[in-house]
């Protein structure tokens, strides 16, 4: 069996689960259609980009080269849920003026470069200076039946997730958390930035204790002290979010879908295009080459 064969979920039910932080031994590919070689990426005339370390939900199976990057969450006093955007500053790099969106958070350098792959680097909303309230808004085609009662453009609110400890959709284990799909930093832009939002008792416990009960497996979920510190800073009331773009060919995966059942991914995030699987309760550090944003 080749190494590539082992990337795909098998029928045996075997699951790989990496606990704690893992660093990249080498720069991963950029994971977009017609992926450019690293040299052509790093020498592009665009702005920003290059070697980037991001916190991500782990890719555990399929051809995706790495996990999907987290979006740190903040919940307003009225319950509105949004994603943090790093502070913007102007720097001189190699004789050029560059706008950088970057901040220290939970022991990590959180940067807009986390999201610069799959063409997202060209989206207006990913430009550091784009003005947005950073709220997660319901899109035109919500991913879950419970969202059908909402209207496009409604802001996600913590009150919508009150049943997060008991929610289920008939797929996998009930009670792992309640998901939603949304758009982020996409007001008045041509391109939509898709995000996945999940409120989960597992995330809540991992942030508080570094360990959580796992009704879908024999052993509890555990994270390192470093990841626990990160989760305390990047999640709120058990709510986490990630950029919902598969790092393989940029499809939009989903948590708890019928398609994932036959690939032993009923309780994970499954990409229907090429069967990549992501574990939302395994948060890892990933090193990759962020694409530069275009000039202009």
Protein backbone atom coordinates (compact mmCIF):
# COMPACT_ATOMS: atom_id res chain seq x y z
CA UNK A 1 0.00 0.00 0.00
CA UNK A 2 1.41 3.38 -0.95
CA UNK A 3 1.64 6.41 1.32
CA UNK A 4 -1.07 8.07 -0.74
CA UNK A 5 -3.40 5.13 -0.19
CA UNK A 6 -3.19 5.65 3.55
CA UNK A 7 -4.40 9.23 3.19
CA UNK A 8 -7.92 8.06 2.42
CA UNK A 9 -10.37 6.89 5.09
CA UNK A 10 -10.63 3.11 5.19
CA UNK A 11 -13.61 0.95 5.96
CA UNK A 12 -11.95 -0.48 9.08
CA UNK A 13 -13.03 2.37 11.31
CA UNK A 14 -9.41 3.24 12.14
CA UNK A 15 -9.04 6.87 13.11
CA UNK A 16 -5.88 8.87 13.43
CA UNK A 17 -6.07 11.43 16.21
CA UNK A 18 -3.08 13.64 16.93
CA UNK A 19 -3.16 15.29 20.34
CA UNK A 20 -1.52 18.63 21.01
CA UNK A 21 0.56 20.81 18.67
CA UNK A 22 2.49 19.40 15.75
CA UNK A 23 4.88 21.57 13.76
CA UNK A 24 5.47 21.26 10.01
CA UNK A 25 8.77 19.64 9.15
CA UNK A 26 8.67 21.36 5.78
CA UNK A 27 6.49 23.88 4.01
CA UNK A 28 3.32 22.26 2.72
CA UNK A 29 1.92 22.98 -0.73
CA UNK A 30 -0.47 25.87 -1.15
CA UNK A 31 -3.40 23.54 -1.83
CA UNK A 32 -5.18 25.35 -4.66
CA UNK A 33 -6.10 24.30 -8.16
CA UNK A 34 -2.99 24.41 -10.30
CA UNK A 35 -0.86 24.90 -7.19
CA UNK A 36 2.30 26.85 -7.87
CA UNK A 37 5.66 25.71 -6.62
CA UNK A 38 6.88 27.30 -3.42
CA UNK A 39 9.55 29.35 -5.19
CA UNK A 40 7.03 30.98 -7.52
CA UNK A 41 4.77 31.77 -4.59
CA UNK A 42 7.42 33.40 -2.45
CA UNK A 43 8.82 35.45 -5.31
CA UNK A 44 5.46 36.77 -6.49
CA UNK A 45 5.17 40.57 -6.70
CA UNK A 46 2.09 40.49 -4.48
CA UNK A 47 1.95 41.66 -0.87
CA UNK A 48 2.36 39.51 2.19
CA UNK A 49 2.51 35.74 2.00
CA UNK A 50 5.37 33.35 2.59
CA UNK A 51 6.06 30.91 5.40
CA UNK A 52 3.13 31.03 7.82
CA UNK A 53 2.28 29.12 10.99
CA UNK A 54 -1.45 28.84 11.67
CA UNK A 55 -3.69 27.01 14.11
CA UNK A 56 -6.05 24.69 12.29
CA UNK A 57 -8.52 21.86 12.66
CA UNK A 58 -6.44 18.82 11.79
CA UNK A 59 -6.64 17.04 8.46
CA UNK A 60 -6.80 13.34 9.38
CA UNK A 61 -7.53 11.64 6.04
CA UNK A 62 -7.72 12.28 2.32
CA UNK A 63 -5.42 14.26 0.03
CA UNK A 64 -5.64 17.67 1.73
CA UNK A 65 -2.11 18.80 2.67
CA UNK A 66 -3.04 20.36 6.01
CA UNK A 67 -5.88 21.47 8.26
CA UNK A 68 -8.26 24.38 7.72
CA UNK A 69 -7.30 27.52 9.68
CA UNK A 70 -9.26 28.58 12.72
CA UNK A 71 -10.93 31.98 12.94
CA UNK A 72 -10.73 33.27 16.53
CA UNK A 73 -14.21 33.97 17.87
CA UNK A 74 -15.57 36.84 19.91
CA UNK A 75 -19.12 37.18 21.23
CA UNK A 76 -20.58 40.64 21.80
CA UNK A 77 -22.60 41.64 24.86
CA UNK A 78 -25.82 41.12 22.87
CA UNK A 79 -24.75 37.59 21.90
CA UNK A 80 -23.72 38.39 18.32
CA UNK A 81 -20.96 36.04 17.14
CA UNK A 82 -18.10 37.25 14.99
CA UNK A 83 -14.52 36.51 14.06
CA UNK A 84 -11.59 38.52 15.35
CA UNK A 85 -9.61 40.43 12.73
CA UNK A 86 -5.98 41.24 13.53
CA UNK A 87 -4.86 44.79 14.12
CA UNK A 88 -3.63 46.47 10.93
CA UNK A 89 -0.30 48.23 10.64
CA UNK A 90 1.89 49.49 7.79
CA UNK A 91 5.44 48.20 7.41
CA UNK A 92 8.33 48.59 5.03
CA UNK A 93 9.45 45.23 3.67
CA UNK A 94 12.19 44.95 1.03
CA UNK A 95 11.69 48.56 0.05
CA UNK A 96 7.91 48.26 -0.32
CA UNK A 97 5.06 49.49 1.83
CA UNK A 98 2.92 46.59 3.03
CA UNK A 99 -0.26 46.56 5.12
CA UNK A 100 -0.13 43.77 7.68
CA UNK A 101 -3.04 42.43 9.74
CA UNK A 102 -1.35 40.72 12.66
CA UNK A 103 -1.66 40.37 16.42
CA UNK A 104 -0.46 38.24 19.32
CA UNK A 105 -3.20 35.93 20.56
CA UNK A 106 -3.03 32.94 22.89
CA UNK A 107 0.70 32.48 22.42
CA UNK A 108 0.43 32.61 18.62
CA UNK A 109 0.93 35.26 15.97
CA UNK A 110 -2.53 35.48 14.43
CA UNK A 111 -2.37 36.93 10.93
CA UNK A 112 -4.54 37.48 7.86
CA UNK A 113 -1.99 35.30 6.08
CA UNK A 114 -3.65 32.29 7.72
CA UNK A 115 -6.40 32.65 5.10
CA UNK A 116 -4.26 33.34 2.03
CA UNK A 117 -4.77 30.16 0.03
CA UNK A 118 -7.30 28.76 -2.48
CA UNK A 119 -7.61 32.16 -4.12
CA UNK A 120 -9.02 33.71 -0.94
CA UNK A 121 -5.98 35.98 -0.91
CA UNK A 122 -7.57 37.88 -3.82
CA UNK A 123 -10.88 38.48 -1.99
CA UNK A 124 -11.57 42.04 -0.97
CA UNK A 125 -12.58 40.94 2.53
CA UNK A 126 -9.20 39.36 3.21
CA UNK A 127 -7.32 42.59 2.52
CA UNK A 128 -6.05 43.93 5.87
CA UNK A 129 -7.65 47.35 5.54
CA UNK A 130 -11.12 46.18 4.44
CA UNK A 131 -13.66 47.69 6.81
CA UNK A 132 -16.06 45.15 8.31
CA UNK A 133 -17.90 44.53 11.57
CA UNK A 134 -16.50 40.96 11.40
CA UNK A 135 -19.87 39.43 12.32
CA UNK A 136 -20.82 35.98 11.01
CA UNK A 137 -23.88 36.37 8.78
CA UNK A 138 -26.18 33.66 7.45
CA UNK A 139 -25.67 33.11 3.73
CA UNK A 140 -28.15 32.45 0.96
CA UNK A 141 -27.86 28.65 1.22
CA UNK A 142 -27.45 27.66 4.89
CA UNK A 143 -25.86 24.29 5.49
CA UNK A 144 -28.20 22.97 8.19
CA UNK A 145 -31.97 22.49 8.42
CA UNK A 146 -32.21 24.44 11.66
CA UNK A 147 -30.96 27.53 9.81
CA UNK A 148 -33.87 27.41 7.35
CA UNK A 149 -35.92 29.52 9.77
CA UNK A 150 -33.35 32.30 9.46
CA UNK A 151 -33.00 34.83 6.68
CA UNK A 152 -29.97 35.55 4.55
CA UNK A 153 -28.03 38.32 6.24
CA UNK A 154 -29.11 37.44 9.80
CA UNK A 155 -26.28 37.64 12.30
CA UNK A 156 -25.43 34.45 14.18
CA UNK A 157 -26.23 34.79 17.87
CA UNK A 158 -25.25 32.62 20.82
CA UNK A 159 -28.95 32.20 21.66
CA UNK A 160 -29.37 30.18 18.45
CA UNK A 161 -27.10 27.52 19.92
CA UNK A 162 -28.84 26.99 23.28
CA UNK A 163 -29.37 23.28 22.48
CA UNK A 164 -25.71 22.67 21.58
CA UNK A 165 -25.32 19.92 24.20
CA UNK A 166 -28.19 17.85 22.79
CA UNK A 167 -28.35 18.82 19.09
CA UNK A 168 -28.23 16.10 16.46
CA UNK A 169 -29.19 15.63 12.84
CA UNK A 170 -29.36 11.85 12.76
CA UNK A 171 -25.75 11.54 11.61
CA UNK A 172 -23.12 10.19 13.99
CA UNK A 173 -23.26 10.87 17.72
CA UNK A 174 -25.76 13.34 19.17
CA UNK A 175 -24.52 15.97 21.60
CA UNK A 176 -21.08 16.72 20.17
CA UNK A 177 -22.13 20.25 19.28
CA UNK A 178 -24.36 22.37 17.07
CA UNK A 179 -22.95 23.65 13.76
CA UNK A 180 -23.82 26.52 11.43
CA UNK A 181 -22.57 27.93 8.16
CA UNK A 182 -22.03 31.64 7.62
CA UNK A 183 -20.21 34.32 5.66
CA UNK A 184 -17.48 36.53 7.09
CA UNK A 185 -16.11 39.92 6.00
CA UNK A 186 -18.15 39.65 2.82
CA UNK A 187 -20.50 42.65 3.00
CA UNK A 188 -20.67 44.53 -0.30
CA UNK A 189 -18.04 42.30 -1.92
CA UNK A 190 -18.23 40.05 -4.97
CA UNK A 191 -16.54 37.14 -3.21
CA UNK A 192 -17.97 35.35 -0.19
CA UNK A 193 -15.70 34.07 2.56
CA UNK A 194 -17.38 30.87 3.82
CA UNK A 195 -16.96 29.90 7.44
CA UNK A 196 -18.12 27.05 9.63
CA UNK A 197 -19.17 27.75 13.20
CA UNK A 198 -19.55 25.10 15.90
CA UNK A 199 -20.66 25.43 19.51
CA UNK A 200 -19.57 22.29 21.32
CA UNK A 201 -19.27 21.05 24.91
CA UNK A 202 -16.05 19.34 23.77
CA UNK A 203 -14.46 22.68 22.84
CA UNK A 204 -15.77 24.21 26.07
CA UNK A 205 -14.15 21.45 28.16
CA UNK A 206 -10.89 21.48 26.21
CA UNK A 207 -10.51 25.21 26.77
CA UNK A 208 -11.32 24.91 30.47
CA UNK A 209 -9.57 21.64 31.38
CA UNK A 210 -7.41 20.46 28.48
CA UNK A 211 -9.50 17.29 28.37
CA UNK A 212 -13.05 16.46 27.29
CA UNK A 213 -15.37 13.49 27.31
CA UNK A 214 -15.60 11.77 23.94
CA UNK A 215 -18.91 10.00 23.36
CA UNK A 216 -17.74 9.06 19.87
CA UNK A 217 -14.56 7.26 20.93
CA UNK A 218 -13.12 5.19 23.79
CA UNK A 219 -10.60 7.70 25.12
CA UNK A 220 -11.18 11.39 25.98
CA UNK A 221 -10.04 14.19 23.76
CA UNK A 222 -6.92 15.86 25.15
CA UNK A 223 -4.82 18.83 24.11
CA UNK A 224 -1.43 20.17 25.15
CA UNK A 225 -1.07 23.14 27.47
CA UNK A 226 -0.14 25.26 24.47
CA UNK A 227 -3.31 24.35 22.59
CA UNK A 228 -5.41 24.86 25.71
CA UNK A 229 -4.02 28.37 26.03
CA UNK A 230 -4.83 29.00 22.39
CA UNK A 231 -8.40 27.70 22.78
CA UNK A 232 -8.96 29.93 25.79
CA UNK A 233 -8.06 32.92 23.61
CA UNK A 234 -9.66 31.85 20.31
CA UNK A 235 -12.98 30.33 21.42
CA UNK A 236 -15.81 31.72 23.53
CA UNK A 237 -18.56 29.82 25.38
CA UNK A 238 -17.65 26.68 23.45
CA UNK A 239 -17.93 28.43 20.07
CA UNK A 240 -15.18 27.92 17.51
CA UNK A 241 -14.94 28.74 13.79
CA UNK A 242 -12.76 27.99 10.81
CA UNK A 243 -12.35 29.11 7.20
CA UNK A 244 -14.42 26.49 5.38
CA UNK A 245 -12.22 25.96 2.34
CA UNK A 246 -10.66 22.53 1.87
CA UNK A 247 -6.90 22.92 1.53
CA UNK A 248 -6.83 20.39 -1.32
CA UNK A 249 -8.88 21.87 -4.19
CA UNK A 250 -10.83 24.54 -2.34
CA UNK A 251 -14.20 22.80 -2.06
CA UNK A 252 -16.52 23.62 0.87
CA UNK A 253 -16.64 20.74 3.40
CA UNK A 254 -19.27 20.18 6.08
CA UNK A 255 -19.52 18.83 9.62
CA UNK A 256 -21.78 15.80 10.19
CA UNK A 257 -22.91 15.02 6.66
CA UNK A 258 -24.38 11.89 5.10
CA UNK A 259 -21.48 11.71 2.67
CA UNK A 260 -19.03 11.30 5.51
CA UNK A 261 -20.78 8.28 7.00
CA UNK A 262 -19.36 5.67 4.61
CA UNK A 263 -15.88 7.15 5.03
CA UNK A 264 -15.96 6.79 8.84
CA UNK A 265 -16.33 10.55 9.18
CA UNK A 266 -19.86 10.85 10.57
CA UNK A 267 -18.60 12.98 13.47
CA UNK A 268 -16.00 14.91 11.53
CA UNK A 269 -15.77 17.54 8.81
CA UNK A 270 -15.95 15.82 5.44
CA UNK A 271 -15.12 17.19 1.97
CA UNK A 272 -17.23 15.50 -0.73
CA UNK A 273 -14.88 16.38 -3.60
CA UNK A 274 -11.99 14.05 -2.76
CA UNK A 275 -12.87 12.61 0.65
CA UNK A 276 -10.59 14.71 2.83
CA UNK A 277 -11.54 14.56 6.51
CA UNK A 278 -10.88 17.08 9.28
CA UNK A 279 -11.17 16.61 13.05
CA UNK A 280 -12.65 19.76 14.63
CA UNK A 281 -11.60 18.66 18.13
CA UNK A 282 -7.93 18.22 17.23
CA UNK A 283 -6.33 21.64 16.97
CA UNK A 284 -2.81 21.64 15.55
CA UNK A 285 -0.15 24.06 14.45
CA UNK A 286 0.45 23.88 10.70
CA UNK A 287 3.24 25.41 8.64
CA UNK A 288 2.51 26.35 5.03
CA UNK A 289 3.28 28.90 2.36
CA UNK A 290 0.63 31.61 2.33
CA UNK A 291 -0.03 33.07 -1.09
CA UNK A 292 0.74 36.77 -1.48
CA UNK A 293 -2.17 39.16 -1.93
CA UNK A 294 -2.27 40.85 -5.33
CA UNK A 295 -0.93 44.35 -5.82
CA UNK A 296 -3.40 47.17 -6.24
